[in-house]
C-alpha atoms as a PDB file:
ATOM      1  CA  MET A   1     -15.731 -20.892  -0.572  1.00  0.00           C
ATOM      2  CA  ILE A   2     -15.588 -17.238   0.458  1.00  0.00           C
ATOM      3  CA  ARG A   3     -12.865 -14.896  -0.843  1.00  0.00           C
ATOM      4  CA  PHE A   4     -11.431 -12.114   1.321  1.00  0.00           C
ATOM      5  CA  GLY A   5      -9.369  -9.061   0.432  1.00  0.00           C
ATOM      6  CA  GLN A   6      -7.906  -6.868   3.151  1.00  0.00           C
ATOM      7  CA  THR A   7      -5.522  -3.931   3.285  1.00  0.00           C
ATOM      8  CA  ILE A   8      -3.291  -2.150   5.772  1.00  0.00           C
ATOM      9  CA  HIS A   9      -0.219   0.086   5.696  1.00  0.00           C
ATOM     10  CA  LEU A  10       3.230  -1.178   6.597  1.00  0.00           C
ATOM     11  CA  ARG A  11       5.504   1.162   8.522  1.00  0.00           C
ATOM     12  CA  PRO A  12       8.492   1.965   6.254  1.00  0.00           C
ATOM     13  CA  GLU A  13      11.055   1.200   8.939  1.00  0.00           C
ATOM     14  CA  ALA A  14       9.583  -2.301   9.377  1.00  0.00           C
ATOM     15  CA  GLU A  15       9.510  -3.401   5.737  1.00  0.00           C
ATOM     16  CA  GLU A  16      12.657  -5.556   5.724  1.00  0.00           C
ATOM     17  CA  GLU A  17      11.825  -7.223   9.053  1.00  0.00           C
ATOM     18  CA  TYR A  18       8.222  -7.887   7.974  1.00  0.00           C
ATOM     19  CA  LYS A  19       9.403  -9.549   4.789  1.00  0.00           C
ATOM     20  CA  ARG A  20      12.050 -11.522   6.702  1.00  0.00           C
ATOM     21  CA  ILE A  21       9.625 -13.012   9.228  1.00  0.00           C
ATOM     22  CA  HIS A  22       7.206 -13.980   6.450  1.00  0.00           C
ATOM     23  CA  VAL A  23       9.783 -16.019   4.532  1.00  0.00           C
ATOM     24  CA  LYS A  24       8.850 -18.860   6.873  1.00  0.00           C
ATOM     25  CA  ILE A  25       6.114 -18.102   9.394  1.00  0.00           C
ATOM     26  CA  TRP A  26       5.974 -19.927  12.716  1.00  0.00           C
ATOM     27  CA  PRO A  27       4.722 -23.519  12.248  1.00  0.00           C
ATOM     28  CA  GLU A  28       1.904 -23.034  14.785  1.00  0.00           C
ATOM     29  CA  ILE A  29       0.637 -20.019  12.835  1.00  0.00           C
ATOM     30  CA  GLU A  30       0.760 -21.886   9.539  1.00  0.00           C
ATOM     31  CA  LYS A  31      -1.109 -24.849  11.068  1.00  0.00           C
ATOM     32  CA  GLY A  32      -3.670 -22.605  12.758  1.00  0.00           C
ATOM     33  CA  ILE A  33      -4.427 -20.840   9.490  1.00  0.00           C
ATOM     34  CA  ARG A  34      -4.910 -24.151   7.671  1.00  0.00           C
ATOM     35  CA  ASP A  35      -6.977 -25.660  10.505  1.00  0.00           C
ATOM     36  CA  SER A  36      -9.300 -22.635  10.481  1.00  0.00           C
ATOM     37  CA  GLY A  37     -10.244 -23.317   6.851  1.00  0.00           C
ATOM     38  CA  ILE A  38      -8.120 -20.601   5.244  1.00  0.00           C
ATOM     39  CA  THR A  39      -6.381 -21.491   1.994  1.00  0.00           C
ATOM     40  CA  ASN A  40      -4.672 -19.665  -0.836  1.00  0.00           C
ATOM     41  CA  TYR A  41      -3.418 -16.949   1.545  1.00  0.00           C
ATOM     42  CA  SER A  42      -1.151 -14.287   0.048  1.00  0.00           C
ATOM     43  CA  ILE A  43       0.099 -10.878   1.173  1.00  0.00           C
ATOM     44  CA  PHE A  44       1.296  -8.341  -1.391  1.00  0.00           C
ATOM     45  CA  LEU A  45       3.241  -5.126  -0.727  1.00  0.00           C
ATOM     46  CA  LYS A  46       3.586  -1.957  -2.815  1.00  0.00           C
ATOM     47  CA  ASP A  47       4.733   1.463  -1.621  1.00  0.00           C
ATOM     48  CA  GLY A  48       3.903   0.756   1.992  1.00  0.00           C
ATOM     49  CA  VAL A  49       0.441  -0.641   1.249  1.00  0.00           C
ATOM     50  CA  MET A  50      -0.226  -4.309   1.913  1.00  0.00           C
ATOM     51  CA  PHE A  51      -3.010  -6.318   0.349  1.00  0.00           C
ATOM     52  CA  ALA A  52      -3.963  -9.738   1.703  1.00  0.00           C
ATOM     53  CA  TYR A  53      -6.047 -12.296  -0.153  1.00  0.00           C
ATOM     54  CA  TYR A  54      -7.317 -15.581   1.201  1.00  0.00           C
ATOM     55  CA  GLU A  55     -10.113 -18.053   0.744  1.00  0.00           C
ATOM     56  CA  TYR A  56     -12.199 -19.633   3.470  1.00  0.00           C
ATOM     57  CA  VAL A  57     -13.246 -23.161   2.512  1.00  0.00           C
ATOM     58  CA  GLY A  58     -14.966 -24.326   5.702  1.00  0.00           C
ATOM     59  CA  PRO A  59     -18.700 -24.373   6.381  1.00  0.00           C
ATOM     60  CA  GLU A  60     -20.098 -20.845   6.150  1.00  0.00           C
ATOM     61  CA  GLU A  61     -21.961 -21.207   9.446  1.00  0.00           C
ATOM     62  CA  GLU A  62     -18.632 -21.924  11.206  1.00  0.00           C
ATOM     63  CA  LEU A  63     -16.729 -18.939   9.765  1.00  0.00           C
ATOM     64  CA  ASP A  64     -17.082 -16.568  12.728  1.00  0.00           C
ATOM     65  CA  ALA A  65     -16.324 -19.250  15.323  1.00  0.00           C
ATOM     66  CA  ARG A  66     -13.275 -20.491  13.418  1.00  0.00           C
ATOM     67  CA  MET A  67     -11.887 -16.978  12.972  1.00  0.00           C
ATOM     68  CA  GLU A  68     -12.426 -16.246  16.668  1.00  0.00           C
ATOM     69  CA  GLN A  69     -10.699 -19.491  17.651  1.00  0.00           C
ATOM     70  CA  LEU A  70      -7.739 -18.630  15.399  1.00  0.00           C
ATOM     71  CA  ALA A  71      -7.536 -15.085  16.766  1.00  0.00           C
ATOM     72  CA  ASN A  72      -7.607 -16.295  20.377  1.00  0.00           C
ATOM     73  CA  ALA A  73      -4.897 -18.953  19.960  1.00  0.00           C
ATOM     74  CA  PRO A  74      -1.948 -18.043  22.224  1.00  0.00           C
ATOM     75  CA  ARG A  75       0.657 -18.290  19.446  1.00  0.00           C
ATOM     76  CA  MET A  76      -1.491 -16.135  17.149  1.00  0.00           C
ATOM     77  CA  GLN A  77      -1.649 -13.510  19.877  1.00  0.00           C
ATOM     78  CA  GLU A  78       2.177 -13.634  20.087  1.00  0.00           C
ATOM     79  CA  TRP A  79       2.492 -13.376  16.292  1.00  0.00           C
ATOM     80  CA  TRP A  80       0.175 -10.381  16.193  1.00  0.00           C
ATOM     81  CA  GLU A  81       2.129  -8.715  18.990  1.00  0.00           C
ATOM     82  CA  VAL A  82       5.152  -8.832  16.680  1.00  0.00           C
ATOM     83  CA  THR A  83       3.417  -7.895  13.425  1.00  0.00           C
ATOM     84  CA  LYS A  84       0.955  -5.247  14.673  1.00  0.00           C
ATOM     85  CA  ALA A  85       3.826  -3.015  15.748  1.00  0.00           C
ATOM     86  CA  MET A  86       4.920  -2.993  12.093  1.00  0.00           C
ATOM     87  CA  GLN A  87       1.515  -2.076  10.698  1.00  0.00           C
ATOM     88  CA  LYS A  88      -0.571   1.068  10.525  1.00  0.00           C
ATOM     89  CA  PRO A  89      -4.291   0.384  10.006  1.00  0.00           C
ATOM     90  CA  LEU A  90      -6.455   2.501   7.718  1.00  0.00           C
ATOM     91  CA  GLU A  91      -8.390   5.221   9.487  1.00  0.00           C
ATOM     92  CA  THR A  92     -11.448   4.215   7.443  1.00  0.00           C
ATOM     93  CA  ARG A  93     -11.497   0.610   8.673  1.00  0.00           C
ATOM     94  CA  ALA A  94     -14.672  -0.653  10.291  1.00  0.00           C
ATOM     95  CA  GLU A  95     -14.946  -0.859  14.057  1.00  0.00           C
ATOM     96  CA  GLY A  96     -13.203  -3.975  15.332  1.00  0.00           C
ATOM     97  CA  GLU A  97     -11.030  -4.408  12.226  1.00  0.00           C
ATOM     98  CA  TRP A  98      -7.249  -4.188  12.153  1.00  0.00           C
ATOM     99  CA  TRP A  99      -6.750  -5.068   8.504  1.00  0.00           C
ATOM    100  CA  ALA A 100      -9.543  -3.278   6.616  1.00  0.00           C
ATOM    101  CA  ASN A 101     -11.859  -5.638   4.757  1.00  0.00           C
ATOM    102  CA  MET A 102     -12.314  -4.809   1.100  1.00  0.00           C
ATOM    103  CA  GLN A 103     -15.360  -5.221  -1.125  1.00  0.00           C
ATOM    104  CA  GLU A 104     -14.963  -7.632  -4.014  1.00  0.00           C
ATOM    105  CA  VAL A 105     -16.046  -5.850  -7.200  1.00  0.00           C
ATOM    106  CA  PHE A 106     -14.884  -8.370  -9.802  1.00  0.00           C
ATOM    107  CA  HIS A 107     -13.917 -12.039  -9.994  1.00  0.00           C
ATOM    108  CA  GLN A 108     -13.200 -14.389 -12.881  1.00  0.00           C
ATOM    109  CA  ASP A 109     -12.376 -18.088 -12.594  1.00  0.00           C
END
């Protein structure tokens, strides 16, 4: 299992709509996330900063291919078209990232 933490800013004018559409995400998005091996997925919001946490439980050697397949799914592209307009990525994110990946510095089971 691999843990991921990511962060991004949420545009203030989009906060209520972003929360509303995440009350129940589209079924195809929910299924795609599960099928890709992602579990325990949460998004937190504070003062316009979002933090996402999820765990990947699939085979490590399949991680990149599974994430690419999820990203290229037509419904995921539609979902991102809606949600990306609400987000403002960090200027310090790595090339190719939208949500900035974070370094894990502590974990306790």
